[in-house]
Amino acid sequence: MTDPGFEVPLHRSLTEPILLGGAPRPLAIVSGTLAAAVGIGLQLWVLGAVLAVVGHTLAVWGAKTDPQFLEVFARHLKYPTHLGV
């Protein structure tokens, strides 16, 4: 089907995004840090736990929808809207 010499074996780790517990790694770290700061720093344990669960759940949902949703969202914010819709 393909021309010989034009295919390269590619390891799965090069194509899959880096996830931490199903969420993008940077977002999981930020969410956990924020929850820990609220829970430990402000001594609001329940609110910290709620922030951790809700933040991680939303991040996992976003990663299931599109594993690169953070990059897409950052690119979306970068470009101004030229059409006044």
PDB file of N, CA and C in Angstrom:
ATOM      1  N   MET A   1       0.812  -1.185   0.000  1.00  0.00           N
ATOM      2  CA  MET A   1       0.000   0.000   0.000  1.00  0.00           C
ATOM      3  C   MET A   1       0.864   1.260   0.000  1.00  0.00           C
ATOM      4  N   THR A   2       1.915   1.276   0.803  1.00  0.00           N
ATOM      5  CA  THR A   2       2.787   2.442   0.829  1.00  0.00           C
ATOM      6  C   THR A   2       4.058   2.143   0.055  1.00  0.00           C
ATOM      7  N   ASP A   3       4.742   3.192  -0.317  1.00  0.00           N
ATOM      8  CA  ASP A   3       5.999   3.027  -1.027  1.00  0.00           C
ATOM      9  C   ASP A   3       7.065   2.552  -0.056  1.00  0.00           C
ATOM     10  N   PRO A   4       7.887   1.611  -0.451  1.00  0.00           N
ATOM     11  CA  PRO A   4       8.929   1.128   0.462  1.00  0.00           C
ATOM     12  C   PRO A   4       9.940   2.240   0.743  1.00  0.00           C
ATOM     13  N   GLY A   5      10.324   2.339   2.000  1.00  0.00           N
ATOM     14  CA  GLY A   5      11.303   3.345   2.386  1.00  0.00           C
ATOM     15  C   GLY A   5      10.684   4.651   2.865  1.00  0.00           C
ATOM     16  N   PHE A   6       9.365   4.784   2.780  1.00  0.00           N
ATOM     17  CA  PHE A   6       8.714   6.021   3.185  1.00  0.00           C
ATOM     18  C   PHE A   6       7.866   5.872   4.440  1.00  0.00           C
ATOM     19  N   GLU A   7       8.105   4.846   5.190  1.00  0.00           N
ATOM     20  CA  GLU A   7       7.400   4.708   6.454  1.00  0.00           C
ATOM     21  C   GLU A   7       8.421   4.481   7.560  1.00  0.00           C
ATOM     22  N   VAL A   8       8.125   5.074   8.693  1.00  0.00           N
ATOM     23  CA  VAL A   8       9.041   5.033   9.816  1.00  0.00           C
ATOM     24  C   VAL A   8       8.276   4.516  11.022  1.00  0.00           C
ATOM     25  N   PRO A   9       8.831   3.553  11.740  1.00  0.00           N
ATOM     26  CA  PRO A   9       8.154   3.124  12.966  1.00  0.00           C
ATOM     27  C   PRO A   9       8.203   4.256  13.997  1.00  0.00           C
ATOM     28  N   LEU A  10       7.065   4.553  14.593  1.00  0.00           N
ATOM     29  CA  LEU A  10       6.950   5.656  15.523  1.00  0.00           C
ATOM     30  C   LEU A  10       6.438   5.126  16.853  1.00  0.00           C
ATOM     31  N   HIS A  11       7.134   5.459  17.920  1.00  0.00           N
ATOM     32  CA  HIS A  11       6.717   4.987  19.232  1.00  0.00           C
ATOM     33  C   HIS A  11       5.492   5.756  19.685  1.00  0.00           C
ATOM     34  N   ARG A  12       4.624   5.083  20.387  1.00  0.00           N
ATOM     35  CA  ARG A  12       3.359   5.673  20.841  1.00  0.00           C
ATOM     36  C   ARG A  12       3.565   6.881  21.747  1.00  0.00           C
ATOM     37  N   SER A  13       4.647   6.889  22.509  1.00  0.00           N
ATOM     38  CA  SER A  13       4.888   7.993  23.441  1.00  0.00           C
ATOM     39  C   SER A  13       5.195   9.300  22.722  1.00  0.00           C
ATOM     40  N   LEU A  14       5.574   9.249  21.467  1.00  0.00           N
ATOM     41  CA  LEU A  14       5.845  10.472  20.713  1.00  0.00           C
ATOM     42  C   LEU A  14       4.587  11.131  20.186  1.00  0.00           C
ATOM     43  N   THR A  15       3.487  10.412  20.148  1.00  0.00           N
ATOM     44  CA  THR A  15       2.269  10.969  19.577  1.00  0.00           C
ATOM     45  C   THR A  15       1.187  11.248  20.607  1.00  0.00           C
ATOM     46  N   GLU A  16       1.274  10.643  21.782  1.00  0.00           N
ATOM     47  CA  GLU A  16       0.245  10.850  22.798  1.00  0.00           C
ATOM     48  C   GLU A  16       0.618  12.001  23.715  1.00  0.00           C
ATOM     49  N   PRO A  17      -0.359  12.770  24.171  1.00  0.00           N
ATOM     50  CA  PRO A  17      -0.052  13.884  25.076  1.00  0.00           C
ATOM     51  C   PRO A  17       0.344  13.385  26.464  1.00  0.00           C
ATOM     52  N   ILE A  18       1.080  14.216  27.192  1.00  0.00           N
ATOM     53  CA  ILE A  18       1.500  13.867  28.545  1.00  0.00           C
ATOM     54  C   ILE A  18       0.373  14.232  29.492  1.00  0.00           C
ATOM     55  N   LEU A  19      -0.223  13.221  30.111  1.00  0.00           N
ATOM     56  CA  LEU A  19      -1.337  13.431  31.013  1.00  0.00           C
ATOM     57  C   LEU A  19      -0.955  13.003  32.419  1.00  0.00           C
ATOM     58  N   LEU A  20      -1.546  13.641  33.390  1.00  0.00           N
ATOM     59  CA  LEU A  20      -1.325  13.307  34.787  1.00  0.00           C
ATOM     60  C   LEU A  20      -2.685  13.007  35.387  1.00  0.00           C
ATOM     61  N   GLY A  21      -2.974  11.736  35.560  1.00  0.00           N
ATOM     62  CA  GLY A  21      -4.287  11.343  36.069  1.00  0.00           C
ATOM     63  C   GLY A  21      -5.398  11.616  35.067  1.00  0.00           C
ATOM     64  N   GLY A  22      -5.074  11.633  33.784  1.00  0.00           N
ATOM     65  CA  GLY A  22      -6.074  11.872  32.758  1.00  0.00           C
ATOM     66  C   GLY A  22      -6.221  13.327  32.366  1.00  0.00           C
ATOM     67  N   ALA A  23      -5.555  14.231  33.070  1.00  0.00           N
ATOM     68  CA  ALA A  23      -5.617  15.665  32.778  1.00  0.00           C
ATOM     69  C   ALA A  23      -4.267  16.119  32.224  1.00  0.00           C
ATOM     70  N   PRO A  24      -4.246  17.177  31.419  1.00  0.00           N
ATOM     71  CA  PRO A  24      -2.955  17.699  30.954  1.00  0.00           C
ATOM     72  C   PRO A  24      -2.067  18.053  32.148  1.00  0.00           C
ATOM     73  N   ARG A  25      -0.812  17.694  32.063  1.00  0.00           N
ATOM     74  CA  ARG A  25       0.102  17.822  33.193  1.00  0.00           C
ATOM     75  C   ARG A  25       0.171  19.240  33.767  1.00  0.00           C
ATOM     76  N   PRO A  26       0.351  20.293  32.948  1.00  0.00           N
ATOM     77  CA  PRO A  26       0.439  21.635  33.551  1.00  0.00           C
ATOM     78  C   PRO A  26      -0.844  22.049  34.269  1.00  0.00           C
ATOM     79  N   LEU A  27      -1.982  21.698  33.707  1.00  0.00           N
ATOM     80  CA  LEU A  27      -3.251  22.063  34.323  1.00  0.00           C
ATOM     81  C   LEU A  27      -3.493  21.283  35.613  1.00  0.00           C
ATOM     82  N   ALA A  28      -3.088  20.021  35.636  1.00  0.00           N
ATOM     83  CA  ALA A  28      -3.235  19.228  36.863  1.00  0.00           C
ATOM     84  C   ALA A  28      -2.350  19.773  37.971  1.00  0.00           C
ATOM     85  N   ILE A  29      -1.147  20.217  37.627  1.00  0.00           N
ATOM     86  CA  ILE A  29      -0.246  20.777  38.634  1.00  0.00           C
ATOM     87  C   ILE A  29      -0.789  22.102  39.166  1.00  0.00           C
ATOM     88  N   VAL A  30      -1.277  22.961  38.296  1.00  0.00           N
ATOM     89  CA  VAL A  30      -1.835  24.251  38.725  1.00  0.00           C
ATOM     90  C   VAL A  30      -3.079  24.034  39.572  1.00  0.00           C
ATOM     91  N   SER A  31      -3.937  23.135  39.163  1.00  0.00           N
ATOM     92  CA  SER A  31      -5.157  22.864  39.912  1.00  0.00           C
ATOM     93  C   SER A  31      -4.845  22.302  41.297  1.00  0.00           C
ATOM     94  N   GLY A  32      -3.906  21.385  41.364  1.00  0.00           N
ATOM     95  CA  GLY A  32      -3.519  20.813  42.652  1.00  0.00           C
ATOM     96  C   GLY A  32      -2.842  21.825  43.558  1.00  0.00           C
ATOM     97  N   THR A  33      -2.020  22.685  42.982  1.00  0.00           N
ATOM     98  CA  THR A  33      -1.349  23.714  43.767  1.00  0.00           C
ATOM     99  C   THR A  33      -2.353  24.719  44.321  1.00  0.00           C
ATOM    100  N   LEU A  34      -3.306  25.120  43.498  1.00  0.00           N
ATOM    101  CA  LEU A  34      -4.342  26.048  43.959  1.00  0.00           C
ATOM    102  C   LEU A  34      -5.180  25.425  45.067  1.00  0.00           C
ATOM    103  N   ALA A  35      -5.559  24.181  44.891  1.00  0.00           N
ATOM    104  CA  ALA A  35      -6.345  23.501  45.917  1.00  0.00           C
ATOM    105  C   ALA A  35      -5.547  23.344  47.207  1.00  0.00           C
ATOM    106  N   ALA A  36      -4.266  23.043  47.102  1.00  0.00           N
ATOM    107  CA  ALA A  36      -3.431  22.912  48.292  1.00  0.00           C
ATOM    108  C   ALA A  36      -3.242  24.259  48.977  1.00  0.00           C
ATOM    109  N   ALA A  37      -3.103  25.319  48.206  1.00  0.00           N
ATOM    110  CA  ALA A  37      -2.944  26.647  48.791  1.00  0.00           C
ATOM    111  C   ALA A  37      -4.189  27.064  49.549  1.00  0.00           C
ATOM    112  N   VAL A  38      -5.350  26.765  48.991  1.00  0.00           N
ATOM    113  CA  VAL A  38      -6.599  27.100  49.677  1.00  0.00           C
ATOM    114  C   VAL A  38      -6.787  26.193  50.890  1.00  0.00           C
ATOM    115  N   GLY A  39      -6.542  24.917  50.720  1.00  0.00           N
ATOM    116  CA  GLY A  39      -6.763  23.970  51.817  1.00  0.00           C
ATOM    117  C   GLY A  39      -5.798  24.133  52.963  1.00  0.00           C
ATOM    118  N   ILE A  40      -4.516  24.292  52.646  1.00  0.00           N
ATOM    119  CA  ILE A  40      -3.511  24.380  53.705  1.00  0.00           C
ATOM    120  C   ILE A  40      -3.282  25.830  54.131  1.00  0.00           C
ATOM    121  N   GLY A  41      -3.103  26.703  53.144  1.00  0.00           N
ATOM    122  CA  GLY A  41      -2.781  28.085  53.462  1.00  0.00           C
ATOM    123  C   GLY A  41      -3.909  28.832  54.146  1.00  0.00           C
ATOM    124  N   LEU A  42      -5.106  28.711  53.616  1.00  0.00           N
ATOM    125  CA  LEU A  42      -6.250  29.405  54.206  1.00  0.00           C
ATOM    126  C   LEU A  42      -6.988  28.544  55.218  1.00  0.00           C
ATOM    127  N   GLN A  43      -6.570  27.312  55.365  1.00  0.00           N
ATOM    128  CA  GLN A  43      -7.173  26.342  56.276  1.00  0.00           C
ATOM    129  C   GLN A  43      -8.670  26.151  56.003  1.00  0.00           C
ATOM    130  N   LEU A  44      -8.998  26.148  54.726  1.00  0.00           N
ATOM    131  CA  LEU A  44     -10.360  25.848  54.285  1.00  0.00           C
ATOM    132  C   LEU A  44     -10.302  24.483  53.599  1.00  0.00           C
ATOM    133  N   TRP A  45     -10.276  23.427  54.417  1.00  0.00           N
ATOM    134  CA  TRP A  45     -10.041  22.077  53.914  1.00  0.00           C
ATOM    135  C   TRP A  45     -11.115  21.617  52.947  1.00  0.00           C
ATOM    136  N   VAL A  46     -12.358  21.901  53.276  1.00  0.00           N
ATOM    137  CA  VAL A  46     -13.454  21.432  52.423  1.00  0.00           C
ATOM    138  C   VAL A  46     -13.413  22.139  51.074  1.00  0.00           C
ATOM    139  N   LEU A  47     -13.214  23.458  51.090  1.00  0.00           N
ATOM    140  CA  LEU A  47     -13.145  24.201  49.831  1.00  0.00           C
ATOM    141  C   LEU A  47     -11.950  23.755  48.992  1.00  0.00           C
ATOM    142  N   GLY A  48     -10.828  23.471  49.640  1.00  0.00           N
ATOM    143  CA  GLY A  48      -9.655  22.976  48.918  1.00  0.00           C
ATOM    144  C   GLY A  48      -9.915  21.634  48.259  1.00  0.00           C
ATOM    145  N   ALA A  49     -10.592  20.755  48.980  1.00  0.00           N
ATOM    146  CA  ALA A  49     -10.912  19.443  48.414  1.00  0.00           C
ATOM    147  C   ALA A  49     -11.899  19.571  47.251  1.00  0.00           C
ATOM    148  N   VAL A  50     -12.871  20.461  47.407  1.00  0.00           N
ATOM    149  CA  VAL A  50     -13.850  20.680  46.330  1.00  0.00           C
ATOM    150  C   VAL A  50     -13.152  21.258  45.095  1.00  0.00           C
ATOM    151  N   LEU A  51     -12.260  22.230  45.304  1.00  0.00           N
ATOM    152  CA  LEU A  51     -11.509  22.795  44.181  1.00  0.00           C
ATOM    153  C   LEU A  51     -10.670  21.734  43.477  1.00  0.00           C
ATOM    154  N   ALA A  52     -10.053  20.854  44.249  1.00  0.00           N
ATOM    155  CA  ALA A  52      -9.226  19.803  43.656  1.00  0.00           C
ATOM    156  C   ALA A  52     -10.066  18.849  42.811  1.00  0.00           C
ATOM    157  N   VAL A  53     -11.186  18.427  43.353  1.00  0.00           N
ATOM    158  CA  VAL A  53     -12.031  17.459  42.630  1.00  0.00           C
ATOM    159  C   VAL A  53     -12.660  18.097  41.397  1.00  0.00           C
ATOM    160  N   VAL A  54     -13.218  19.282  41.558  1.00  0.00           N
ATOM    161  CA  VAL A  54     -13.878  19.945  40.426  1.00  0.00           C
ATOM    162  C   VAL A  54     -12.861  20.336  39.358  1.00  0.00           C
ATOM    163  N   GLY A  55     -11.729  20.892  39.766  1.00  0.00           N
ATOM    164  CA  GLY A  55     -10.705  21.290  38.798  1.00  0.00           C
ATOM    165  C   GLY A  55     -10.160  20.117  38.013  1.00  0.00           C
ATOM    166  N   HIS A  56      -9.878  19.026  38.703  1.00  0.00           N
ATOM    167  CA  HIS A  56      -9.337  17.863  38.015  1.00  0.00           C
ATOM    168  C   HIS A  56     -10.395  17.201  37.119  1.00  0.00           C
ATOM    169  N   THR A  57     -11.638  17.185  37.575  1.00  0.00           N
ATOM    170  CA  THR A  57     -12.706  16.605  36.763  1.00  0.00           C
ATOM    171  C   THR A  57     -12.891  17.398  35.470  1.00  0.00           C
ATOM    172  N   LEU A  58     -12.877  18.728  35.569  1.00  0.00           N
ATOM    173  CA  LEU A  58     -13.011  19.551  34.367  1.00  0.00           C
ATOM    174  C   LEU A  58     -11.814  19.376  33.433  1.00  0.00           C
ATOM    175  N   ALA A  59     -10.625  19.248  34.003  1.00  0.00           N
ATOM    176  CA  ALA A  59      -9.441  19.053  33.177  1.00  0.00           C
ATOM    177  C   ALA A  59      -9.472  17.700  32.467  1.00  0.00           C
ATOM    178  N   VAL A  60      -9.937  16.667  33.153  1.00  0.00           N
ATOM    179  CA  VAL A  60     -10.056  15.340  32.520  1.00  0.00           C
ATOM    180  C   VAL A  60     -11.110  15.372  31.423  1.00  0.00           C
ATOM    181  N   TRP A  61     -12.230  16.037  31.688  1.00  0.00           N
ATOM    182  CA  TRP A  61     -13.274  16.151  30.664  1.00  0.00           C
ATOM    183  C   TRP A  61     -12.740  16.886  29.430  1.00  0.00           C
ATOM    184  N   GLY A  62     -11.995  17.970  29.646  1.00  0.00           N
ATOM    185  CA  GLY A  62     -11.413  18.704  28.521  1.00  0.00           C
ATOM    186  C   GLY A  62     -10.413  17.871  27.750  1.00  0.00           C
ATOM    187  N   ALA A  63      -9.618  17.083  28.454  1.00  0.00           N
ATOM    188  CA  ALA A  63      -8.626  16.239  27.787  1.00  0.00           C
ATOM    189  C   ALA A  63      -9.282  15.105  27.014  1.00  0.00           C
ATOM    190  N   LYS A  64     -10.418  14.606  27.495  1.00  0.00           N
ATOM    191  CA  LYS A  64     -11.127  13.573  26.743  1.00  0.00           C
ATOM    192  C   LYS A  64     -11.738  14.164  25.479  1.00  0.00           C
ATOM    193  N   THR A  65     -12.201  15.402  25.572  1.00  0.00           N
ATOM    194  CA  THR A  65     -12.773  16.069  24.405  1.00  0.00           C
ATOM    195  C   THR A  65     -11.696  16.366  23.368  1.00  0.00           C
ATOM    196  N   ASP A  66     -10.609  17.000  23.822  1.00  0.00           N
ATOM    197  CA  ASP A  66      -9.485  17.333  22.942  1.00  0.00           C
ATOM    198  C   ASP A  66      -8.224  17.354  23.790  1.00  0.00           C
ATOM    199  N   PRO A  67      -7.295  16.420  23.588  1.00  0.00           N
ATOM    200  CA  PRO A  67      -6.106  16.362  24.436  1.00  0.00           C
ATOM    201  C   PRO A  67      -5.242  17.621  24.383  1.00  0.00           C
ATOM    202  N   GLN A  68      -5.385  18.426  23.352  1.00  0.00           N
ATOM    203  CA  GLN A  68      -4.590  19.646  23.231  1.00  0.00           C
ATOM    204  C   GLN A  68      -5.445  20.888  23.424  1.00  0.00           C
ATOM    205  N   PHE A  69      -6.463  20.803  24.286  1.00  0.00           N
ATOM    206  CA  PHE A  69      -7.369  21.926  24.432  1.00  0.00           C
ATOM    207  C   PHE A  69      -6.702  23.141  25.059  1.00  0.00           C
ATOM    208  N   LEU A  70      -5.666  22.955  25.858  1.00  0.00           N
ATOM    209  CA  LEU A  70      -4.959  24.100  26.432  1.00  0.00           C
ATOM    210  C   LEU A  70      -4.244  24.903  25.357  1.00  0.00           C
ATOM    211  N   GLU A  71      -3.581  24.228  24.432  1.00  0.00           N
ATOM    212  CA  GLU A  71      -2.888  24.918  23.350  1.00  0.00           C
ATOM    213  C   GLU A  71      -3.882  25.610  22.425  1.00  0.00           C
ATOM    214  N   VAL A  72      -4.994  24.955  22.173  1.00  0.00           N
ATOM    215  CA  VAL A  72      -6.023  25.554  21.316  1.00  0.00           C
ATOM    216  C   VAL A  72      -6.617  26.784  21.980  1.00  0.00           C
ATOM    217  N   PHE A  73      -6.881  26.710  23.282  1.00  0.00           N
ATOM    218  CA  PHE A  73      -7.447  27.845  23.997  1.00  0.00           C
ATOM    219  C   PHE A  73      -6.459  29.014  24.052  1.00  0.00           C
ATOM    220  N   ALA A  74      -5.172  28.716  24.269  1.00  0.00           N
ATOM    221  CA  ALA A  74      -4.158  29.772  24.290  1.00  0.00           C
ATOM    222  C   ALA A  74      -4.050  30.439  22.923  1.00  0.00           C
ATOM    223  N   ARG A  75      -4.129  29.661  21.867  1.00  0.00           N
ATOM    224  CA  ARG A  75      -4.082  30.217  20.520  1.00  0.00           C
ATOM    225  C   ARG A  75      -5.325  31.041  20.232  1.00  0.00           C
ATOM    226  N   HIS A  76      -6.458  30.602  20.763  1.00  0.00           N
ATOM    227  CA  HIS A  76      -7.712  31.334  20.592  1.00  0.00           C
ATOM    228  C   HIS A  76      -7.624  32.707  21.259  1.00  0.00           C
ATOM    229  N   LEU A  77      -7.022  32.779  22.433  1.00  0.00           N
ATOM    230  CA  LEU A  77      -6.883  34.057  23.128  1.00  0.00           C
ATOM    231  C   LEU A  77      -5.852  34.973  22.479  1.00  0.00           C
ATOM    232  N   LYS A  78      -4.902  34.385  21.764  1.00  0.00           N
ATOM    233  CA  LYS A  78      -3.819  35.157  21.158  1.00  0.00           C
ATOM    234  C   LYS A  78      -4.314  36.010  19.997  1.00  0.00           C
ATOM    235  N   TYR A  79      -5.212  35.490  19.192  1.00  0.00           N
ATOM    236  CA  TYR A  79      -5.652  36.194  17.999  1.00  0.00           C
ATOM    237  C   TYR A  79      -6.892  37.036  18.312  1.00  0.00           C
ATOM    238  N   PRO A  80      -6.880  38.308  17.895  1.00  0.00           N
ATOM    239  CA  PRO A  80      -8.042  39.172  18.150  1.00  0.00           C
ATOM    240  C   PRO A  80      -9.195  38.822  17.203  1.00  0.00           C
ATOM    241  N   THR A  81     -10.363  39.210  17.616  1.00  0.00           N
ATOM    242  CA  THR A  81     -11.517  38.986  16.749  1.00  0.00           C
ATOM    243  C   THR A  81     -11.631  40.161  15.790  1.00  0.00           C
ATOM    244  N   HIS A  82     -11.624  39.877  14.522  1.00  0.00           N
ATOM    245  CA  HIS A  82     -11.722  40.919  13.516  1.00  0.00           C
ATOM    246  C   HIS A  82     -13.157  41.125  13.054  1.00  0.00           C
ATOM    247  N   LEU A  83     -13.986  40.161  13.285  1.00  0.00           N
ATOM    248  CA  LEU A  83     -15.380  40.287  12.903  1.00  0.00           C
ATOM    249  C   LEU A  83     -16.192  40.636  14.134  1.00  0.00           C
ATOM    250  N   GLY A  84     -16.902  41.717  14.083  1.00  0.00           N
ATOM    251  CA  GLY A  84     -17.700  42.129  15.227  1.00  0.00           C
ATOM    252  C   GLY A  84     -19.016  41.360  15.276  1.00  0.00           C
ATOM    253  N   VAL A  85     -18.948  40.103  15.624  1.00  0.00           N
ATOM    254  CA  VAL A  85     -20.146  39.256  15.635  1.00  0.00           C
ATOM    255  C   VAL A  85     -20.924  39.446  16.901  1.00  0.00           C
TER     256      VAL A  85
END
